[in-house]
Amino acid sequence: MTAAHHHANAEIGAVEFLRLPDVKRLTKLSRASIYRRIADDDFPSPTHIGSRISVWVASEVQEWMRSKVANRIAPCRPSPLPR
């Protein structure tokens, strides 16, 4: 590995790709649910790395999962009662 190649990898950071079976396993969602959420802008979009290969960035899927947990445990504030 050249010094320039090593430097480029250090700047980008480690990126892990997930294939659809991995995403399904992690999220417990079906293929249809994943693509429906993508269409609804409620799930990270895949990246196409080949003519027939789609992958998801693992950190984006993990962040989506964390956001779902955060929404679940966010304190619910009751709406004020009308006077």
N, C-alpha and C. Protein backbone atom coordinates (compact mmCIF):
# COMPACT_ATOMS: atom_id res chain seq x y z
N MET A 1 0.85 -1.18 0.00
CA MET A 1 0.00 0.00 0.00
C MET A 1 0.89 1.24 0.00
N THR A 2 0.60 2.17 -0.87
CA THR A 2 1.41 3.39 -0.95
C THR A 2 1.02 4.33 0.18
N ALA A 3 1.89 5.28 0.46
CA ALA A 3 1.60 6.27 1.49
C ALA A 3 0.38 7.09 1.13
N ALA A 4 0.23 7.42 -0.16
CA ALA A 4 -0.93 8.20 -0.59
C ALA A 4 -2.21 7.41 -0.40
N HIS A 5 -2.18 6.12 -0.72
CA HIS A 5 -3.35 5.26 -0.55
C HIS A 5 -3.72 5.16 0.93
N HIS A 6 -2.72 4.95 1.79
CA HIS A 6 -2.96 4.86 3.23
C HIS A 6 -3.54 6.17 3.76
N HIS A 7 -3.01 7.29 3.30
CA HIS A 7 -3.49 8.60 3.73
C HIS A 7 -4.96 8.81 3.32
N ALA A 8 -5.30 8.40 2.11
CA ALA A 8 -6.68 8.55 1.64
C ALA A 8 -7.62 7.72 2.49
N ASN A 9 -7.23 6.50 2.85
CA ASN A 9 -8.07 5.66 3.70
C ASN A 9 -8.25 6.28 5.08
N ALA A 10 -7.21 6.88 5.62
CA ALA A 10 -7.29 7.50 6.94
C ALA A 10 -8.25 8.69 6.92
N GLU A 11 -8.26 9.46 5.82
CA GLU A 11 -9.16 10.61 5.73
C GLU A 11 -10.62 10.19 5.65
N ILE A 12 -10.89 9.14 4.89
CA ILE A 12 -12.27 8.67 4.74
C ILE A 12 -12.75 8.00 6.01
N GLY A 13 -11.88 7.29 6.68
CA GLY A 13 -12.27 6.50 7.83
C GLY A 13 -12.77 5.15 7.35
N ALA A 14 -12.94 4.25 8.27
CA ALA A 14 -13.40 2.92 7.91
C ALA A 14 -14.89 2.98 7.59
N VAL A 15 -15.24 2.47 6.42
CA VAL A 15 -16.63 2.42 6.00
C VAL A 15 -16.98 0.95 5.80
N GLU A 16 -18.04 0.53 6.46
CA GLU A 16 -18.48 -0.85 6.32
C GLU A 16 -19.76 -0.88 5.50
N PHE A 17 -19.81 -1.76 4.53
CA PHE A 17 -21.00 -1.92 3.70
C PHE A 17 -21.81 -3.12 4.18
N LEU A 18 -23.11 -2.99 4.05
CA LEU A 18 -24.03 -4.08 4.37
C LEU A 18 -24.82 -4.43 3.13
N ARG A 19 -25.01 -5.71 2.88
CA ARG A 19 -25.90 -6.15 1.81
C ARG A 19 -27.30 -6.29 2.39
N LEU A 20 -28.30 -6.44 1.54
CA LEU A 20 -29.69 -6.50 1.99
C LEU A 20 -29.93 -7.56 3.07
N PRO A 21 -29.42 -8.78 2.94
CA PRO A 21 -29.65 -9.75 4.02
C PRO A 21 -29.12 -9.28 5.38
N ASP A 22 -28.00 -8.55 5.37
CA ASP A 22 -27.45 -8.01 6.61
C ASP A 22 -28.37 -6.94 7.19
N VAL A 23 -28.88 -6.07 6.33
CA VAL A 23 -29.78 -5.00 6.77
C VAL A 23 -31.06 -5.61 7.35
N LYS A 24 -31.59 -6.61 6.68
CA LYS A 24 -32.79 -7.29 7.17
C LYS A 24 -32.54 -7.93 8.53
N ARG A 25 -31.39 -8.56 8.69
CA ARG A 25 -31.04 -9.22 9.95
C ARG A 25 -30.91 -8.21 11.08
N LEU A 26 -30.24 -7.10 10.80
CA LEU A 26 -30.03 -6.08 11.84
C LEU A 26 -31.31 -5.37 12.26
N THR A 27 -32.12 -5.02 11.28
CA THR A 27 -33.31 -4.21 11.55
C THR A 27 -34.55 -5.03 11.84
N LYS A 28 -34.52 -6.30 11.46
CA LYS A 28 -35.69 -7.19 11.59
C LYS A 28 -36.83 -6.75 10.69
N LEU A 29 -36.52 -5.98 9.64
CA LEU A 29 -37.52 -5.54 8.68
C LEU A 29 -37.47 -6.43 7.44
N SER A 30 -38.60 -6.56 6.78
CA SER A 30 -38.64 -7.29 5.52
C SER A 30 -38.07 -6.43 4.40
N ARG A 31 -37.78 -7.06 3.28
CA ARG A 31 -37.31 -6.33 2.10
C ARG A 31 -38.32 -5.26 1.71
N ALA A 32 -39.60 -5.65 1.68
CA ALA A 32 -40.65 -4.69 1.29
C ALA A 32 -40.71 -3.51 2.25
N SER A 33 -40.58 -3.77 3.54
CA SER A 33 -40.62 -2.68 4.53
C SER A 33 -39.43 -1.74 4.37
N ILE A 34 -38.27 -2.30 4.10
CA ILE A 34 -37.08 -1.47 3.91
C ILE A 34 -37.28 -0.54 2.73
N TYR A 35 -37.70 -1.08 1.59
CA TYR A 35 -37.87 -0.25 0.39
C TYR A 35 -39.04 0.72 0.52
N ARG A 36 -40.07 0.34 1.27
CA ARG A 36 -41.18 1.27 1.51
C ARG A 36 -40.70 2.45 2.36
N ARG A 37 -39.90 2.16 3.38
CA ARG A 37 -39.36 3.23 4.23
C ARG A 37 -38.40 4.13 3.44
N ILE A 38 -37.63 3.54 2.53
CA ILE A 38 -36.75 4.35 1.67
C ILE A 38 -37.60 5.30 0.84
N ALA A 39 -38.68 4.78 0.25
CA ALA A 39 -39.57 5.61 -0.57
C ALA A 39 -40.21 6.72 0.25
N ASP A 40 -40.48 6.43 1.54
CA ASP A 40 -41.07 7.42 2.44
C ASP A 40 -40.02 8.32 3.08
N ASP A 41 -38.78 8.18 2.66
CA ASP A 41 -37.65 8.95 3.22
C ASP A 41 -37.48 8.69 4.71
N ASP A 42 -37.70 7.43 5.11
CA ASP A 42 -37.58 7.04 6.52
C ASP A 42 -36.58 5.90 6.69
N PHE A 43 -35.62 5.79 5.79
CA PHE A 43 -34.57 4.78 5.90
C PHE A 43 -33.45 5.19 4.95
N PRO A 44 -32.21 4.91 5.32
CA PRO A 44 -31.10 5.28 4.44
C PRO A 44 -31.21 4.59 3.08
N SER A 45 -30.88 5.31 2.05
CA SER A 45 -30.88 4.76 0.70
C SER A 45 -29.63 3.93 0.47
N PRO A 46 -29.74 2.90 -0.34
CA PRO A 46 -28.55 2.12 -0.66
C PRO A 46 -27.64 2.88 -1.61
N THR A 47 -26.40 2.46 -1.63
CA THR A 47 -25.40 2.98 -2.57
C THR A 47 -25.15 1.88 -3.59
N HIS A 48 -25.12 2.26 -4.84
CA HIS A 48 -24.87 1.29 -5.91
C HIS A 48 -23.38 1.27 -6.20
N ILE A 49 -22.76 0.13 -5.95
CA ILE A 49 -21.31 0.03 -6.16
C ILE A 49 -20.98 -0.82 -7.39
N GLY A 50 -21.99 -1.24 -8.09
CA GLY A 50 -21.82 -2.01 -9.31
C GLY A 50 -23.14 -1.98 -10.06
N SER A 51 -23.16 -2.53 -11.24
CA SER A 51 -24.38 -2.48 -12.03
C SER A 51 -25.53 -3.22 -11.36
N ARG A 52 -25.22 -4.23 -10.56
CA ARG A 52 -26.29 -4.99 -9.89
C ARG A 52 -26.01 -5.19 -8.41
N ILE A 53 -25.18 -4.33 -7.83
CA ILE A 53 -24.82 -4.48 -6.43
C ILE A 53 -25.19 -3.22 -5.67
N SER A 54 -26.07 -3.38 -4.70
CA SER A 54 -26.46 -2.28 -3.82
C SER A 54 -26.02 -2.61 -2.41
N VAL A 55 -25.51 -1.61 -1.72
CA VAL A 55 -25.07 -1.79 -0.34
C VAL A 55 -25.55 -0.59 0.48
N TRP A 56 -25.64 -0.81 1.77
CA TRP A 56 -25.96 0.28 2.69
C TRP A 56 -24.72 0.56 3.52
N VAL A 57 -24.53 1.81 3.89
CA VAL A 57 -23.43 2.18 4.77
C VAL A 57 -23.85 1.80 6.19
N ALA A 58 -23.08 0.94 6.83
CA ALA A 58 -23.44 0.40 8.14
C ALA A 58 -23.72 1.50 9.16
N SER A 59 -22.91 2.54 9.17
CA SER A 59 -23.09 3.61 10.16
C SER A 59 -24.42 4.34 9.96
N GLU A 60 -24.88 4.44 8.71
CA GLU A 60 -26.17 5.09 8.45
C GLU A 60 -27.33 4.23 8.95
N VAL A 61 -27.23 2.93 8.75
CA VAL A 61 -28.27 2.02 9.25
C VAL A 61 -28.27 2.02 10.77
N GLN A 62 -27.10 2.00 11.37
CA GLN A 62 -27.00 2.02 12.83
C GLN A 62 -27.55 3.32 13.39
N GLU A 63 -27.28 4.44 12.73
CA GLU A 63 -27.82 5.72 13.18
C GLU A 63 -29.34 5.73 13.08
N TRP A 64 -29.89 5.15 12.02
CA TRP A 64 -31.35 5.05 11.89
C TRP A 64 -31.91 4.24 13.05
N MET A 65 -31.26 3.14 13.39
CA MET A 65 -31.71 2.31 14.50
C MET A 65 -31.64 3.09 15.82
N ARG A 66 -30.54 3.82 16.03
CA ARG A 66 -30.41 4.63 17.26
C ARG A 66 -31.51 5.68 17.34
N SER A 67 -31.85 6.28 16.18
CA SER A 67 -32.88 7.32 16.19
C SER A 67 -34.24 6.74 16.57
N LYS A 68 -34.50 5.50 16.16
CA LYS A 68 -35.76 4.86 16.53
C LYS A 68 -35.82 4.61 18.02
N VAL A 69 -34.71 4.20 18.61
CA VAL A 69 -34.66 3.99 20.06
C VAL A 69 -34.80 5.33 20.78
N ALA A 70 -34.12 6.35 20.28
CA ALA A 70 -34.19 7.67 20.92
C ALA A 70 -35.61 8.21 20.89
N ASN A 71 -36.32 7.99 19.78
CA ASN A 71 -37.71 8.44 19.71
C ASN A 71 -38.59 7.69 20.69
N ARG A 72 -38.27 6.43 20.93
CA ARG A 72 -39.06 5.62 21.86
C ARG A 72 -38.86 6.06 23.29
N ILE A 73 -37.63 6.44 23.65
CA ILE A 73 -37.37 6.77 25.04
C ILE A 73 -37.41 8.27 25.31
N ALA A 74 -37.69 9.06 24.27
CA ALA A 74 -37.79 10.50 24.49
C ALA A 74 -38.97 10.76 25.42
N PRO A 75 -38.78 11.66 26.38
CA PRO A 75 -39.87 11.91 27.31
C PRO A 75 -41.08 12.51 26.59
N CYS A 76 -42.21 11.95 26.86
CA CYS A 76 -43.45 12.47 26.29
C CYS A 76 -43.97 13.56 27.21
N ARG A 77 -44.19 14.68 26.63
CA ARG A 77 -44.75 15.77 27.41
C ARG A 77 -46.22 15.87 27.10
N PRO A 78 -47.04 15.80 28.11
CA PRO A 78 -48.47 15.91 27.84
C PRO A 78 -48.79 17.30 27.32
N SER A 79 -49.74 17.34 26.41
CA SER A 79 -50.15 18.65 25.90
C SER A 79 -50.90 19.39 27.00
N PRO A 80 -50.75 20.69 27.03
CA PRO A 80 -51.42 21.46 28.10
C PRO A 80 -52.93 21.32 27.97
N LEU A 81 -53.55 21.26 29.12
CA LEU A 81 -55.01 21.18 29.14
C LEU A 81 -55.61 22.53 28.79
N PRO A 82 -56.66 22.54 28.02
CA PRO A 82 -57.31 23.82 27.70
C PRO A 82 -57.93 24.41 28.96
N ARG A 83 -57.90 25.71 29.04
CA ARG A 83 -58.49 26.38 30.22
C ARG A 83 -59.84 26.92 29.90
